[in-house]
Amino acid sequence: MENVFNDLLMVLFVMVVLFVIYTIISYFRLKKTRKYYADLQNSLKKGDEVIFLGGVYGKIDKLTKTCAYIKTGNNIIKVKRETISQIIK
């Protein structure tokens, strides 16, 4: 009975260690992603060609603190700045 208890404790210990490692790796990936999007939002300017999270391409016509007006073809659409996922160079 004591042998089974020791095996169970060992398995539990390994699972806790793996969970801690996974949490640490996830934290640093999330931190890197947040930094990328913060830098992206700070670098937006009028005339940049951008891609949205949904895959729509457009050119920034006007920027406000929370919104961006994007020209797509002959239309201008208003979107939240956070939906811009990439600047096309």
PDB file of N, CA and C in Angstrom:
ATOM      1  N   MET A   1       0.822  -1.195   0.000  1.00  0.00           N
ATOM      2  CA  MET A   1       0.000   0.000   0.000  1.00  0.00           C
ATOM      3  C   MET A   1       0.867   1.261   0.000  1.00  0.00           C
ATOM      4  N   GLU A   2       1.950   1.217   0.743  1.00  0.00           N
ATOM      5  CA  GLU A   2       2.843   2.374   0.810  1.00  0.00           C
ATOM      6  C   GLU A   2       3.514   2.620  -0.543  1.00  0.00           C
ATOM      7  N   ASN A   3       3.795   1.584  -1.294  1.00  0.00           N
ATOM      8  CA  ASN A   3       4.407   1.692  -2.604  1.00  0.00           C
ATOM      9  C   ASN A   3       3.479   2.405  -3.586  1.00  0.00           C
ATOM     10  N   VAL A   4       2.190   2.095  -3.530  1.00  0.00           N
ATOM     11  CA  VAL A   4       1.203   2.743  -4.390  1.00  0.00           C
ATOM     12  C   VAL A   4       1.105   4.224  -4.042  1.00  0.00           C
ATOM     13  N   PHE A   5       1.109   4.529  -2.762  1.00  0.00           N
ATOM     14  CA  PHE A   5       1.046   5.918  -2.314  1.00  0.00           C
ATOM     15  C   PHE A   5       2.265   6.704  -2.797  1.00  0.00           C
ATOM     16  N   ASN A   6       3.445   6.118  -2.739  1.00  0.00           N
ATOM     17  CA  ASN A   6       4.666   6.779  -3.211  1.00  0.00           C
ATOM     18  C   ASN A   6       4.617   7.003  -4.727  1.00  0.00           C
ATOM     19  N   ASP A   7       4.103   6.018  -5.465  1.00  0.00           N
ATOM     20  CA  ASP A   7       3.962   6.174  -6.918  1.00  0.00           C
ATOM     21  C   ASP A   7       2.990   7.298  -7.253  1.00  0.00           C
ATOM     22  N   LEU A   8       1.898   7.363  -6.525  1.00  0.00           N
ATOM     23  CA  LEU A   8       0.907   8.412  -6.738  1.00  0.00           C
ATOM     24  C   LEU A   8       1.494   9.791  -6.454  1.00  0.00           C
ATOM     25  N   LEU A   9       2.263   9.901  -5.386  1.00  0.00           N
ATOM     26  CA  LEU A   9       2.913  11.179  -5.069  1.00  0.00           C
ATOM     27  C   LEU A   9       3.915  11.574  -6.151  1.00  0.00           C
ATOM     28  N   MET A  10       4.635  10.609  -6.689  1.00  0.00           N
ATOM     29  CA  MET A  10       5.605  10.892  -7.744  1.00  0.00           C
ATOM     30  C   MET A  10       4.906  11.390  -9.011  1.00  0.00           C
ATOM     31  N   VAL A  11       3.814  10.745  -9.381  1.00  0.00           N
ATOM     32  CA  VAL A  11       3.053  11.171 -10.560  1.00  0.00           C
ATOM     33  C   VAL A  11       2.493  12.572 -10.343  1.00  0.00           C
ATOM     34  N   LEU A  12       1.959  12.817  -9.165  1.00  0.00           N
ATOM     35  CA  LEU A  12       1.425  14.136  -8.847  1.00  0.00           C
ATOM     36  C   LEU A  12       2.524  15.204  -8.902  1.00  0.00           C
ATOM     37  N   PHE A  13       3.680  14.892  -8.376  1.00  0.00           N
ATOM     38  CA  PHE A  13       4.805  15.821  -8.402  1.00  0.00           C
ATOM     39  C   PHE A  13       5.218  16.149  -9.844  1.00  0.00           C
ATOM     40  N   VAL A  14       5.299  15.138 -10.697  1.00  0.00           N
ATOM     41  CA  VAL A  14       5.671  15.346 -12.098  1.00  0.00           C
ATOM     42  C   VAL A  14       4.622  16.217 -12.798  1.00  0.00           C
ATOM     43  N   MET A  15       3.347  15.969 -12.519  1.00  0.00           N
ATOM     44  CA  MET A  15       2.290  16.772 -13.139  1.00  0.00           C
ATOM     45  C   MET A  15       2.371  18.233 -12.697  1.00  0.00           C
ATOM     46  N   VAL A  16       2.656  18.468 -11.434  1.00  0.00           N
ATOM     47  CA  VAL A  16       2.779  19.845 -10.931  1.00  0.00           C
ATOM     48  C   VAL A  16       3.969  20.540 -11.581  1.00  0.00           C
ATOM     49  N   VAL A  17       5.089  19.851 -11.702  1.00  0.00           N
ATOM     50  CA  VAL A  17       6.281  20.433 -12.334  1.00  0.00           C
ATOM     51  C   VAL A  17       5.986  20.778 -13.793  1.00  0.00           C
ATOM     52  N   LEU A  18       5.337  19.879 -14.511  1.00  0.00           N
ATOM     53  CA  LEU A  18       5.000  20.148 -15.913  1.00  0.00           C
ATOM     54  C   LEU A  18       4.035  21.322 -16.037  1.00  0.00           C
ATOM     55  N   PHE A  19       3.074  21.418 -15.133  1.00  0.00           N
ATOM     56  CA  PHE A  19       2.134  22.540 -15.149  1.00  0.00           C
ATOM     57  C   PHE A  19       2.857  23.860 -14.908  1.00  0.00           C
ATOM     58  N   VAL A  20       3.786  23.882 -13.976  1.00  0.00           N
ATOM     59  CA  VAL A  20       4.551  25.107 -13.683  1.00  0.00           C
ATOM     60  C   VAL A  20       5.392  25.508 -14.899  1.00  0.00           C
ATOM     61  N   ILE A  21       6.036  24.553 -15.534  1.00  0.00           N
ATOM     62  CA  ILE A  21       6.842  24.850 -16.726  1.00  0.00           C
ATOM     63  C   ILE A  21       5.962  25.394 -17.840  1.00  0.00           C
ATOM     64  N   TYR A  22       4.807  24.765 -18.068  1.00  0.00           N
ATOM     65  CA  TYR A  22       3.875  25.223 -19.100  1.00  0.00           C
ATOM     66  C   TYR A  22       3.385  26.642 -18.808  1.00  0.00           C
ATOM     67  N   THR A  23       3.081  26.931 -17.555  1.00  0.00           N
ATOM     68  CA  THR A  23       2.608  28.258 -17.176  1.00  0.00           C
ATOM     69  C   THR A  23       3.678  29.316 -17.414  1.00  0.00           C
ATOM     70  N   ILE A  24       4.904  29.013 -17.081  1.00  0.00           N
ATOM     71  CA  ILE A  24       6.003  29.966 -17.286  1.00  0.00           C
ATOM     72  C   ILE A  24       6.207  30.235 -18.772  1.00  0.00           C
ATOM     73  N   ILE A  25       6.221  29.192 -19.589  1.00  0.00           N
ATOM     74  CA  ILE A  25       6.390  29.364 -21.039  1.00  0.00           C
ATOM     75  C   ILE A  25       5.242  30.177 -21.617  1.00  0.00           C
ATOM     76  N   SER A  26       4.021  29.882 -21.204  1.00  0.00           N
ATOM     77  CA  SER A  26       2.847  30.620 -21.700  1.00  0.00           C
ATOM     78  C   SER A  26       2.912  32.089 -21.311  1.00  0.00           C
ATOM     79  N   TYR A  27       3.374  32.369 -20.108  1.00  0.00           N
ATOM     80  CA  TYR A  27       3.467  33.748 -19.645  1.00  0.00           C
ATOM     81  C   TYR A  27       4.412  34.556 -20.522  1.00  0.00           C
ATOM     82  N   PHE A  28       5.575  33.986 -20.840  1.00  0.00           N
ATOM     83  CA  PHE A  28       6.543  34.731 -21.643  1.00  0.00           C
ATOM     84  C   PHE A  28       6.074  34.890 -23.081  1.00  0.00           C
ATOM     85  N   ARG A  29       5.377  33.911 -23.628  1.00  0.00           N
ATOM     86  CA  ARG A  29       4.815  34.059 -24.978  1.00  0.00           C
ATOM     87  C   ARG A  29       3.759  35.152 -25.008  1.00  0.00           C
ATOM     88  N   LEU A  30       2.898  35.177 -24.003  1.00  0.00           N
ATOM     89  CA  LEU A  30       1.860  36.195 -23.928  1.00  0.00           C
ATOM     90  C   LEU A  30       2.472  37.579 -23.761  1.00  0.00           C
ATOM     91  N   LYS A  31       3.506  37.683 -22.955  1.00  0.00           N
ATOM     92  CA  LYS A  31       4.194  38.959 -22.756  1.00  0.00           C
ATOM     93  C   LYS A  31       4.785  39.458 -24.075  1.00  0.00           C
ATOM     94  N   LYS A  32       5.381  38.560 -24.851  1.00  0.00           N
ATOM     95  CA  LYS A  32       5.966  38.927 -26.136  1.00  0.00           C
ATOM     96  C   LYS A  32       4.881  39.388 -27.115  1.00  0.00           C
ATOM     97  N   THR A  33       3.748  38.700 -27.122  1.00  0.00           N
ATOM     98  CA  THR A  33       2.643  39.061 -28.011  1.00  0.00           C
ATOM     99  C   THR A  33       2.076  40.425 -27.638  1.00  0.00           C
ATOM    100  N   ARG A  34       1.884  40.664 -26.351  1.00  0.00           N
ATOM    101  CA  ARG A  34       1.372  41.968 -25.910  1.00  0.00           C
ATOM    102  C   ARG A  34       2.320  43.098 -26.290  1.00  0.00           C
ATOM    103  N   LYS A  35       3.611  42.879 -26.156  1.00  0.00           N
ATOM    104  CA  LYS A  35       4.590  43.892 -26.524  1.00  0.00           C
ATOM    105  C   LYS A  35       4.533  44.185 -28.019  1.00  0.00           C
ATOM    106  N   TYR A  36       4.382  43.129 -28.841  1.00  0.00           N
ATOM    107  CA  TYR A  36       4.295  43.308 -30.293  1.00  0.00           C
ATOM    108  C   TYR A  36       3.100  44.195 -30.640  1.00  0.00           C
ATOM    109  N   TYR A  37       1.922  43.894 -30.064  1.00  0.00           N
ATOM    110  CA  TYR A  37       0.733  44.674 -30.388  1.00  0.00           C
ATOM    111  C   TYR A  37       0.792  46.090 -29.826  1.00  0.00           C
ATOM    112  N   ALA A  38       1.415  46.279 -28.681  1.00  0.00           N
ATOM    113  CA  ALA A  38       1.579  47.635 -28.136  1.00  0.00           C
ATOM    114  C   ALA A  38       2.489  48.456 -29.048  1.00  0.00           C
ATOM    115  N   ASP A  39       3.586  47.861 -29.505  1.00  0.00           N
ATOM    116  CA  ASP A  39       4.483  48.554 -30.430  1.00  0.00           C
ATOM    117  C   ASP A  39       3.784  48.850 -31.752  1.00  0.00           C
ATOM    118  N   LEU A  40       2.979  47.900 -32.214  1.00  0.00           N
ATOM    119  CA  LEU A  40       2.232  48.087 -33.463  1.00  0.00           C
ATOM    120  C   LEU A  40       1.278  49.264 -33.338  1.00  0.00           C
ATOM    121  N   GLN A  41       0.521  49.329 -32.240  1.00  0.00           N
ATOM    122  CA  GLN A  41      -0.433  50.416 -32.052  1.00  0.00           C
ATOM    123  C   GLN A  41       0.266  51.776 -31.958  1.00  0.00           C
ATOM    124  N   ASN A  42       1.422  51.806 -31.333  1.00  0.00           N
ATOM    125  CA  ASN A  42       2.158  53.070 -31.203  1.00  0.00           C
ATOM    126  C   ASN A  42       2.780  53.520 -32.516  1.00  0.00           C
ATOM    127  N   SER A  43       3.020  52.597 -33.431  1.00  0.00           N
ATOM    128  CA  SER A  43       3.686  52.961 -34.677  1.00  0.00           C
ATOM    129  C   SER A  43       2.716  53.241 -35.829  1.00  0.00           C
ATOM    130  N   LEU A  44       1.419  53.105 -35.606  1.00  0.00           N
ATOM    131  CA  LEU A  44       0.450  53.367 -36.673  1.00  0.00           C
ATOM    132  C   LEU A  44       0.447  54.847 -37.046  1.00  0.00           C
ATOM    133  N   LYS A  45       0.344  55.102 -38.334  1.00  0.00           N
ATOM    134  CA  LYS A  45       0.236  56.486 -38.810  1.00  0.00           C
ATOM    135  C   LYS A  45      -0.566  56.515 -40.099  1.00  0.00           C
ATOM    136  N   LYS A  46      -1.036  57.686 -40.451  1.00  0.00           N
ATOM    137  CA  LYS A  46      -1.847  57.856 -41.645  1.00  0.00           C
ATOM    138  C   LYS A  46      -1.052  57.435 -42.875  1.00  0.00           C
ATOM    139  N   GLY A  47      -1.701  56.688 -43.755  1.00  0.00           N
ATOM    140  CA  GLY A  47      -1.075  56.242 -44.988  1.00  0.00           C
ATOM    141  C   GLY A  47      -0.499  54.833 -44.922  1.00  0.00           C
ATOM    142  N   ASP A  48      -0.403  54.246 -43.725  1.00  0.00           N
ATOM    143  CA  ASP A  48       0.102  52.876 -43.602  1.00  0.00           C
ATOM    144  C   ASP A  48      -0.892  51.890 -44.212  1.00  0.00           C
ATOM    145  N   GLU A  49      -0.363  50.899 -44.908  1.00  0.00           N
ATOM    146  CA  GLU A  49      -1.199  49.804 -45.377  1.00  0.00           C
ATOM    147  C   GLU A  49      -1.195  48.735 -44.303  1.00  0.00           C
ATOM    148  N   VAL A  50      -2.399  48.261 -43.934  1.00  0.00           N
ATOM    149  CA  VAL A  50      -2.534  47.346 -42.811  1.00  0.00           C
ATOM    150  C   VAL A  50      -3.397  46.142 -43.181  1.00  0.00           C
ATOM    151  N   ILE A  51      -3.285  45.114 -42.329  1.00  0.00           N
ATOM    152  CA  ILE A  51      -4.129  43.928 -42.431  1.00  0.00           C
ATOM    153  C   ILE A  51      -4.871  43.801 -41.107  1.00  0.00           C
ATOM    154  N   PHE A  52      -6.162  43.470 -41.175  1.00  0.00           N
ATOM    155  CA  PHE A  52      -6.967  43.253 -39.977  1.00  0.00           C
ATOM    156  C   PHE A  52      -6.893  41.799 -39.554  1.00  0.00           C
ATOM    157  N   LEU A  53      -7.366  41.538 -38.348  1.00  0.00           N
ATOM    158  CA  LEU A  53      -7.410  40.166 -37.848  1.00  0.00           C
ATOM    159  C   LEU A  53      -8.258  39.273 -38.747  1.00  0.00           C
ATOM    160  N   GLY A  54      -9.246  39.817 -39.412  1.00  0.00           N
ATOM    161  CA  GLY A  54     -10.106  39.046 -40.310  1.00  0.00           C
ATOM    162  C   GLY A  54      -9.532  38.853 -41.696  1.00  0.00           C
ATOM    163  N   GLY A  55      -8.384  39.460 -41.989  1.00  0.00           N
ATOM    164  CA  GLY A  55      -7.736  39.290 -43.275  1.00  0.00           C
ATOM    165  C   GLY A  55      -8.017  40.386 -44.280  1.00  0.00           C
ATOM    166  N   VAL A  56      -8.715  41.451 -43.890  1.00  0.00           N
ATOM    167  CA  VAL A  56      -9.029  42.557 -44.790  1.00  0.00           C
ATOM    168  C   VAL A  56      -7.830  43.488 -44.883  1.00  0.00           C
ATOM    169  N   TYR A  57      -7.507  43.907 -46.106  1.00  0.00           N
ATOM    170  CA  TYR A  57      -6.414  44.840 -46.353  1.00  0.00           C
ATOM    171  C   TYR A  57      -6.992  46.238 -46.520  1.00  0.00           C
ATOM    172  N   GLY A  58      -6.221  47.251 -46.135  1.00  0.00           N
ATOM    173  CA  GLY A  58      -6.653  48.621 -46.327  1.00  0.00           C
ATOM    174  C   GLY A  58      -5.540  49.595 -45.999  1.00  0.00           C
ATOM    175  N   LYS A  59      -5.829  50.882 -46.234  1.00  0.00           N
ATOM    176  CA  LYS A  59      -4.869  51.954 -45.961  1.00  0.00           C
ATOM    177  C   LYS A  59      -5.491  52.897 -44.942  1.00  0.00           C
ATOM    178  N   ILE A  60      -4.708  53.281 -43.935  1.00  0.00           N
ATOM    179  CA  ILE A  60      -5.214  54.159 -42.881  1.00  0.00           C
ATOM    180  C   ILE A  60      -5.454  55.551 -43.454  1.00  0.00           C
ATOM    181  N   ASP A  61      -6.704  56.022 -43.280  1.00  0.00           N
ATOM    182  CA  ASP A  61      -7.077  57.347 -43.754  1.00  0.00           C
ATOM    183  C   ASP A  61      -7.043  58.364 -42.618  1.00  0.00           C
ATOM    184  N   LYS A  62      -7.431  57.913 -41.407  1.00  0.00           N
ATOM    185  CA  LYS A  62      -7.477  58.803 -40.250  1.00  0.00           C
ATOM    186  C   LYS A  62      -7.370  57.943 -38.987  1.00  0.00           C
ATOM    187  N   LEU A  63      -6.712  58.472 -37.965  1.00  0.00           N
ATOM    188  CA  LEU A  63      -6.565  57.767 -36.692  1.00  0.00           C
ATOM    189  C   LEU A  63      -7.113  58.618 -35.557  1.00  0.00           C
ATOM    190  N   THR A  64      -7.813  57.969 -34.645  1.00  0.00           N
ATOM    191  CA  THR A  64      -8.190  58.597 -33.383  1.00  0.00           C
ATOM    192  C   THR A  64      -7.591  57.747 -32.268  1.00  0.00           C
ATOM    193  N   LYS A  65      -7.896  58.109 -31.036  1.00  0.00           N
ATOM    194  CA  LYS A  65      -7.322  57.367 -29.908  1.00  0.00           C
ATOM    195  C   LYS A  65      -7.791  55.914 -29.873  1.00  0.00           C
ATOM    196  N   THR A  66      -9.043  55.660 -30.238  1.00  0.00           N
ATOM    197  CA  THR A  66      -9.594  54.310 -30.151  1.00  0.00           C
ATOM    198  C   THR A  66      -9.966  53.701 -31.495  1.00  0.00           C
ATOM    199  N   CYS A  67     -10.101  54.533 -32.531  1.00  0.00           N
ATOM    200  CA  CYS A  67     -10.577  54.041 -33.820  1.00  0.00           C
ATOM    201  C   CYS A  67      -9.615  54.391 -34.947  1.00  0.00           C
ATOM    202  N   ALA A  68      -9.772  53.653 -36.034  1.00  0.00           N
ATOM    203  CA  ALA A  68      -9.024  53.944 -37.256  1.00  0.00           C
ATOM    204  C   ALA A  68     -10.015  53.949 -38.407  1.00  0.00           C
ATOM    205  N   TYR A  69      -9.866  54.901 -39.301  1.00  0.00           N
ATOM    206  CA  TYR A  69     -10.686  54.959 -40.501  1.00  0.00           C
ATOM    207  C   TYR A  69      -9.823  54.416 -41.636  1.00  0.00           C
ATOM    208  N   ILE A  70     -10.288  53.336 -42.230  1.00  0.00           N
ATOM    209  CA  ILE A  70      -9.507  52.604 -43.215  1.00  0.00           C
ATOM    210  C   ILE A  70     -10.171  52.694 -44.577  1.00  0.00           C
ATOM    211  N   LYS A  71      -9.359  53.012 -45.564  1.00  0.00           N
ATOM    212  CA  LYS A  71      -9.857  53.061 -46.937  1.00  0.00           C
ATOM    213  C   LYS A  71      -9.617  51.700 -47.585  1.00  0.00           C
ATOM    214  N   THR A  72     -10.695  51.063 -47.983  1.00  0.00           N
ATOM    215  CA  THR A  72     -10.627  49.784 -48.684  1.00  0.00           C
ATOM    216  C   THR A  72     -11.344  49.971 -50.010  1.00  0.00           C
ATOM    217  N   GLY A  73     -10.593  50.035 -51.076  1.00  0.00           N
ATOM    218  CA  GLY A  73     -11.198  50.315 -52.377  1.00  0.00           C
ATOM    219  C   GLY A  73     -11.726  51.728 -52.396  1.00  0.00           C
ATOM    220  N   ASN A  74     -13.032  51.892 -52.653  1.00  0.00           N
ATOM    221  CA  ASN A  74     -13.660  53.210 -52.677  1.00  0.00           C
ATOM    222  C   ASN A  74     -14.374  53.539 -51.374  1.00  0.00           C
ATOM    223  N   ASN A  75     -14.354  52.628 -50.421  1.00  0.00           N
ATOM    224  CA  ASN A  75     -15.072  52.802 -49.160  1.00  0.00           C
ATOM    225  C   ASN A  75     -14.112  53.137 -48.024  1.00  0.00           C
ATOM    226  N   ILE A  76     -14.641  53.850 -47.033  1.00  0.00           N
ATOM    227  CA  ILE A  76     -13.893  54.108 -45.803  1.00  0.00           C
ATOM    228  C   ILE A  76     -14.687  53.462 -44.675  1.00  0.00           C
ATOM    229  N   ILE A  77     -14.026  52.587 -43.917  1.00  0.00           N
ATOM    230  CA  ILE A  77     -14.688  51.919 -42.810  1.00  0.00           C
ATOM    231  C   ILE A  77     -14.030  52.336 -41.497  1.00  0.00           C
ATOM    232  N   LYS A  78     -14.840  52.339 -40.444  1.00  0.00           N
ATOM    233  CA  LYS A  78     -14.356  52.689 -39.112  1.00  0.00           C
ATOM    234  C   LYS A  78     -14.181  51.390 -38.326  1.00  0.00           C
ATOM    235  N   VAL A  79     -12.990  51.196 -37.776  1.00  0.00           N
ATOM    236  CA  VAL A  79     -12.696  49.983 -37.007  1.00  0.00           C
ATOM    237  C   VAL A  79     -11.985  50.354 -35.710  1.00  0.00           C
ATOM    238  N   LYS A  80     -11.995  49.438 -34.765  1.00  0.00           N
ATOM    239  CA  LYS A  80     -11.201  49.638 -33.548  1.00  0.00           C
ATOM    240  C   LYS A  80      -9.736  49.431 -33.894  1.00  0.00           C
ATOM    241  N   ARG A  81      -8.881  50.192 -33.288  1.00  0.00           N
ATOM    242  CA  ARG A  81      -7.443  50.077 -33.567  1.00  0.00           C
ATOM    243  C   ARG A  81      -6.898  48.700 -33.238  1.00  0.00           C
ATOM    244  N   GLU A  82      -7.466  48.046 -32.231  1.00  0.00           N
ATOM    245  CA  GLU A  82      -6.983  46.736 -31.799  1.00  0.00           C
ATOM    246  C   GLU A  82      -7.177  45.644 -32.851  1.00  0.00           C
ATOM    247  N   THR A  83      -8.046  45.893 -33.844  1.00  0.00           N
ATOM    248  CA  THR A  83      -8.273  44.870 -34.869  1.00  0.00           C
ATOM    249  C   THR A  83      -7.178  44.859 -35.939  1.00  0.00           C
ATOM    250  N   ILE A  84      -6.315  45.841 -35.925  1.00  0.00           N
ATOM    251  CA  ILE A  84      -5.201  45.866 -36.884  1.00  0.00           C
ATOM    252  C   ILE A  84      -4.130  44.907 -36.394  1.00  0.00           C
ATOM    253  N   SER A  85      -3.791  43.933 -37.240  1.00  0.00           N
ATOM    254  CA  SER A  85      -2.854  42.900 -36.797  1.00  0.00           C
ATOM    255  C   SER A  85      -1.461  43.036 -37.401  1.00  0.00           C
ATOM    256  N   GLN A  86      -1.346  43.795 -38.487  1.00  0.00           N
ATOM    257  CA  GLN A  86      -0.038  43.874 -39.139  1.00  0.00           C
ATOM    258  C   GLN A  86       0.032  45.091 -40.030  1.00  0.00           C
ATOM    259  N   ILE A  87       1.215  45.685 -40.105  1.00  0.00           N
ATOM    260  CA  ILE A  87       1.481  46.774 -41.050  1.00  0.00           C
ATOM    261  C   ILE A  87       2.242  46.164 -42.210  1.00  0.00           C
ATOM    262  N   ILE A  88       1.773  46.468 -43.425  1.00  0.00           N
ATOM    263  CA  ILE A  88       2.459  45.965 -44.629  1.00  0.00           C
ATOM    264  C   ILE A  88       3.505  46.987 -45.026  1.00  0.00           C
ATOM    265  N   LYS A  89       4.726  46.553 -45.147  1.00  0.00           N
ATOM    266  CA  LYS A  89       5.814  47.464 -45.519  1.00  0.00           C
ATOM    267  C   LYS A  89       5.924  47.563 -47.010  1.00  0.00           C
TER     268      LYS A  89
END
